[in-house]
Amino acid sequence: DKLVPISDFLNKTIKIDFLEDIHCIECDKKISKTFAQGYCYPCFIQSPNTSECILRPELCRAHEGEARDMEWSKKHCLKEHYVYLSLTSHLKVGVTKHTQIPTRWIDQGAHQALIFAKVPNRYLAGVMEKEINQYISDKTYWRKMLLGEYPDLNLKDEKEKLIPLINQKYHQYITNNQEITIFDYPILQKLKKIKSLNFDKNPIINGKLLGIKGQYLFFENDFVLNIRKFTGYFLNFENE
């Protein structure tokens, strides 16, 4: 029932024990396996939080009156969304709700980010993203991102290059916002390679915390833990 400010434990040895207990983050049912980072299978199939348009916004149909839960969609899909450019492992395009800036960028480990367009709903954000996706990727290569590898590009210049390439009908949504947000993550020691930790295979994680980037915790000896992957897991946290 409280948050742990994990950055307070940088350069300290911490111990995280998986208590062999997992609950769905929507219905709280005890489960043995999660779907879509924290849900039981029935909630994964039925919940608006796991709708197809969460991962593929161009599939959203809320603007046509179709959704798993229209009241939910009115609050989440039929609101302003942003199409953005970011440098994670490379130049990429993405979509996020207006309420998720800069959280979304931090969550994916972006080094820099720039708003490309502002649109009135999730569907339009999705089709604009697909349009831009013809020229740049919409994926993050997580290993490169964790190693801190990304190209030396100017996001303002990349935005100007993309504008004439996309369909004229989307130009009305392109913003004049030229502010580049730069992120500096608390990393005491860079990774040389990546060795993933997994509570299902290693129920006890014990080591010195050497960095935080996006949803990943860095430990000594090049170990990393994707903490978001284990949403719904009950854990015991200790600072040794």
Protein backbone atom coordinates (compact mmCIF):
# COMPACT_ATOMS: atom_id res chain seq x y z
CA ASP A 1 0.00 0.00 0.00
CA LYS A 2 2.98 2.34 -0.40
CA LEU A 3 5.57 3.20 -3.04
CA VAL A 4 9.26 2.41 -2.60
CA PRO A 5 11.52 5.21 -3.92
CA ILE A 6 13.95 2.79 -5.58
CA SER A 7 16.45 5.50 -6.51
CA ASP A 8 17.20 5.93 -2.79
CA PHE A 9 18.91 2.54 -2.92
CA LEU A 10 21.39 3.23 -5.71
CA ASN A 11 24.86 1.86 -4.91
CA LYS A 12 23.36 -0.21 -2.09
CA THR A 13 22.76 -3.94 -1.85
CA ILE A 14 19.09 -4.85 -2.07
CA LYS A 15 17.24 -8.14 -1.85
CA ILE A 16 13.94 -8.85 -3.61
CA ASP A 17 12.15 -12.14 -2.83
CA PHE A 18 9.29 -13.45 -4.96
CA LEU A 19 6.71 -14.76 -2.48
CA GLU A 20 5.28 -17.33 -4.96
CA ASP A 21 2.04 -15.34 -5.05
CA ILE A 22 0.61 -13.67 -8.16
CA HIS A 23 -2.69 -11.78 -8.42
CA CYS A 24 -4.47 -10.27 -11.42
CA ILE A 25 -4.08 -6.49 -11.26
CA GLU A 26 -7.69 -6.02 -12.40
CA CYS A 27 -9.84 -8.58 -10.53
CA ASP A 28 -7.28 -9.57 -7.84
CA LYS A 29 -7.80 -13.30 -8.54
CA LYS A 30 -4.87 -15.51 -7.49
CA ILE A 31 -3.23 -16.86 -10.66
CA SER A 32 -0.20 -18.91 -11.70
CA LYS A 33 0.63 -16.92 -14.82
CA THR A 34 0.05 -13.36 -16.06
CA PHE A 35 -0.98 -12.09 -19.47
CA ALA A 36 -0.11 -8.62 -20.82
CA GLN A 37 1.97 -7.82 -17.73
CA GLY A 38 -0.37 -8.46 -14.83
CA TYR A 39 -3.75 -9.77 -15.98
CA CYS A 40 -5.48 -13.15 -15.64
CA TYR A 41 -6.62 -14.66 -18.92
CA PRO A 42 -10.34 -13.66 -18.63
CA CYS A 43 -9.39 -10.03 -17.88
CA PHE A 44 -6.84 -10.12 -20.70
CA ILE A 45 -9.66 -11.09 -23.09
CA GLN A 46 -12.35 -8.78 -21.67
CA SER A 47 -10.78 -5.74 -19.99
CA PRO A 48 -10.67 -2.42 -21.88
CA ASN A 49 -7.17 -2.01 -20.46
CA THR A 50 -5.99 -4.81 -22.74
CA SER A 51 -7.94 -3.83 -25.86
CA GLU A 52 -6.25 -4.36 -29.22
CA CYS A 53 -5.81 -0.62 -29.60
CA ILE A 54 -3.50 -0.45 -26.57
CA LEU A 55 -0.71 -1.98 -28.65
CA ARG A 56 -2.12 -1.07 -32.06
CA PRO A 57 -3.89 2.29 -31.78
CA GLU A 58 -4.83 2.28 -35.49
CA LEU A 59 -7.31 -0.52 -34.62
CA CYS A 60 -9.25 1.71 -32.20
CA ARG A 61 -12.94 2.05 -33.11
CA ALA A 62 -14.13 4.16 -30.18
CA HIS A 63 -14.65 7.11 -32.54
CA GLU A 64 -17.20 4.92 -34.35
CA GLY A 65 -18.92 3.94 -31.09
CA GLU A 66 -17.32 0.49 -30.81
CA ALA A 67 -15.28 -0.58 -27.77
CA ARG A 68 -15.10 -3.20 -25.02
CA ASP A 69 -16.30 -0.46 -22.66
CA MET A 70 -17.43 2.83 -24.22
CA GLU A 71 -17.35 4.74 -20.93
CA TRP A 72 -13.71 3.72 -20.48
CA SER A 73 -12.93 4.61 -24.09
CA LYS A 74 -14.47 8.06 -23.71
CA LYS A 75 -11.93 8.73 -20.95
CA HIS A 76 -8.93 7.06 -22.61
CA CYS A 77 -9.38 6.81 -26.39
CA LEU A 78 -11.51 9.82 -27.23
CA LYS A 79 -9.05 12.24 -25.65
CA GLU A 80 -6.08 14.13 -27.04
CA HIS A 81 -3.15 11.95 -28.06
CA TYR A 82 0.35 12.81 -29.22
CA VAL A 83 2.45 11.32 -31.96
CA TYR A 84 6.11 11.73 -31.01
CA LEU A 85 9.64 11.07 -32.18
CA SER A 86 12.20 9.69 -29.75
CA LEU A 87 15.73 8.36 -29.59
CA THR A 88 15.77 5.08 -27.69
CA SER A 89 17.95 2.49 -29.43
CA HIS A 90 17.37 4.43 -32.66
CA LEU A 91 14.98 7.03 -34.08
CA LYS A 92 11.42 5.81 -33.51
CA VAL A 93 7.84 7.03 -33.72
CA GLY A 94 5.30 6.44 -30.98
CA VAL A 95 1.89 7.35 -29.61
CA THR A 96 0.85 8.36 -26.11
CA LYS A 97 -2.04 9.99 -24.26
CA HIS A 98 -1.67 13.61 -23.28
CA THR A 99 -1.59 12.55 -19.62
CA GLN A 100 1.38 10.20 -20.19
CA ILE A 101 4.00 12.80 -21.12
CA PRO A 102 6.81 12.44 -20.07
CA THR A 103 6.00 9.16 -18.25
CA ARG A 104 5.78 7.16 -21.48
CA TRP A 105 9.16 8.40 -22.70
CA ILE A 106 10.87 7.59 -19.41
CA ASP A 107 9.18 4.18 -19.29
CA GLN A 108 10.66 3.17 -22.65
CA GLY A 109 14.13 4.47 -21.81
CA ALA A 110 14.14 7.33 -24.34
CA HIS A 111 17.23 9.56 -24.36
CA GLN A 112 15.42 12.38 -26.17
CA ALA A 113 11.84 13.02 -27.30
CA LEU A 114 9.96 15.58 -29.42
CA ILE A 115 6.22 15.97 -30.05
CA PHE A 116 5.37 15.56 -33.74
CA ALA A 117 1.59 15.97 -33.76
CA LYS A 118 -1.44 16.43 -31.52
CA VAL A 119 -4.65 14.66 -32.53
CA PRO A 120 -8.16 14.43 -31.00
CA ASN A 121 -8.33 10.64 -30.51
CA ARG A 122 -6.34 7.41 -30.35
CA TYR A 123 -7.37 6.18 -33.80
CA LEU A 124 -5.96 9.24 -35.56
CA ALA A 125 -2.75 8.94 -33.56
CA GLY A 126 -2.49 5.33 -34.69
CA VAL A 127 -2.99 5.99 -38.40
CA MET A 128 -0.46 8.84 -38.28
CA GLU A 129 2.01 6.54 -36.55
CA LYS A 130 1.52 3.91 -39.29
CA GLU A 131 2.05 6.59 -41.93
CA ILE A 132 5.36 7.64 -40.37
CA ASN A 133 6.26 3.99 -39.75
CA GLN A 134 6.86 3.63 -43.48
CA TYR A 135 10.02 5.68 -42.97
CA ILE A 136 11.15 5.04 -39.38
CA SER A 137 10.58 2.23 -36.87
CA ASP A 138 7.91 2.13 -34.16
CA LYS A 139 9.83 -0.44 -32.08
CA THR A 140 12.51 -0.14 -29.40
CA TYR A 141 15.37 -2.63 -29.48
CA TRP A 142 15.63 -3.07 -25.73
CA ARG A 143 19.15 -4.50 -25.65
CA LYS A 144 20.61 -1.51 -27.53
CA MET A 145 18.55 0.84 -25.37
CA LEU A 146 19.95 -0.70 -22.18
CA LEU A 147 23.51 -0.53 -23.50
CA GLY A 148 22.98 3.18 -24.25
CA GLU A 149 23.51 2.80 -27.99
CA TYR A 150 21.60 5.33 -30.15
CA PRO A 151 22.38 7.49 -33.19
CA ASP A 152 23.51 11.11 -32.95
CA LEU A 153 20.50 12.74 -34.61
CA ASN A 154 18.73 16.07 -34.24
CA LEU A 155 15.03 15.39 -33.64
CA LYS A 156 14.00 18.79 -35.04
CA ASP A 157 15.76 17.99 -38.31
CA GLU A 158 14.20 14.52 -38.44
CA LYS A 159 10.75 16.02 -37.91
CA GLU A 160 11.27 18.45 -40.80
CA LYS A 161 12.40 15.59 -43.06
CA LEU A 162 9.29 13.54 -42.27
CA ILE A 163 6.65 16.26 -42.74
CA PRO A 164 6.71 16.34 -46.58
CA LEU A 165 6.71 12.52 -46.72
CA ILE A 166 3.37 11.99 -44.98
CA ASN A 167 -0.10 12.48 -46.44
CA GLN A 168 -1.20 16.10 -46.66
CA LYS A 169 -4.42 15.35 -44.77
CA TYR A 170 -2.41 14.81 -41.57
CA HIS A 171 -0.50 18.09 -41.77
CA GLN A 172 -3.22 19.97 -39.85
CA TYR A 173 -2.25 18.01 -36.72
CA ILE A 174 1.50 18.63 -36.85
CA THR A 175 2.58 20.89 -34.00
CA ASN A 176 4.97 23.82 -34.02
CA ASN A 177 6.40 22.50 -30.76
CA GLN A 178 10.17 22.28 -31.21
CA GLU A 179 11.06 21.52 -27.59
CA ILE A 180 13.33 18.49 -27.25
CA THR A 181 13.04 16.76 -23.87
CA ILE A 182 16.34 15.21 -22.77
CA PHE A 183 16.55 12.40 -20.19
CA ASP A 184 19.46 11.52 -17.94
CA TYR A 185 19.08 8.18 -16.15
CA PRO A 186 20.72 7.33 -12.82
CA ILE A 187 23.28 4.78 -14.00
CA LEU A 188 26.39 4.36 -11.88
CA GLN A 189 27.95 1.69 -14.08
CA LYS A 190 27.20 1.01 -17.73
CA LEU A 191 26.41 -2.49 -18.89
CA LYS A 192 29.04 -4.37 -20.88
CA LYS A 193 26.58 -7.11 -21.79
CA ILE A 194 23.10 -8.08 -20.65
CA LYS A 195 22.12 -10.95 -18.35
CA SER A 196 18.37 -10.98 -17.67
CA LEU A 197 16.89 -11.81 -14.27
CA ASN A 198 13.55 -13.60 -13.99
CA PHE A 199 11.56 -14.21 -10.80
CA ASP A 200 10.06 -17.39 -12.27
CA LYS A 201 13.57 -18.87 -12.55
CA ASN A 202 15.34 -16.88 -9.80
CA PRO A 203 12.85 -16.18 -6.97
CA ILE A 204 15.53 -14.38 -4.92
CA ILE A 205 17.42 -11.45 -6.43
CA ASN A 206 20.22 -10.11 -4.30
CA GLY A 207 22.83 -7.57 -5.40
CA LYS A 208 24.05 -4.00 -5.58
CA LEU A 209 21.71 -1.67 -7.48
CA LEU A 210 23.80 0.22 -10.05
CA GLY A 211 21.24 1.87 -12.28
CA ILE A 212 17.65 2.52 -13.33
CA LYS A 213 16.56 3.01 -16.91
CA GLY A 214 12.96 2.89 -18.02
CA GLN A 215 11.38 -0.19 -16.47
CA TYR A 216 14.73 -1.89 -15.89
CA LEU A 217 16.88 -2.16 -12.76
CA PHE A 218 20.65 -2.63 -13.27
CA PHE A 219 22.59 -4.82 -10.84
CA GLU A 220 26.29 -5.60 -10.50
CA ASN A 221 27.86 -8.09 -12.92
CA ASP A 222 25.65 -6.91 -15.83
CA PHE A 223 22.37 -8.32 -14.49
CA VAL A 224 19.14 -6.51 -15.39
CA LEU A 225 15.56 -6.92 -14.15
CA ASN A 226 12.53 -5.81 -16.16
CA ILE A 227 10.39 -4.96 -13.14
CA ARG A 228 7.30 -4.12 -15.26
CA LYS A 229 7.25 -7.68 -16.59
CA PHE A 230 6.37 -8.92 -13.10
CA THR A 231 3.41 -6.65 -12.37
CA GLY A 232 1.01 -8.58 -10.11
CA TYR A 233 3.79 -10.53 -8.37
CA PHE A 234 3.97 -10.22 -4.59
CA LEU A 235 7.52 -9.40 -3.52
CA ASN A 236 9.43 -8.73 -0.33
CA PHE A 237 11.93 -5.87 -0.63
CA GLU A 238 14.87 -5.37 1.72
CA ASN A 239 17.90 -3.08 1.87
CA GLU A 240 20.73 -5.14 3.31
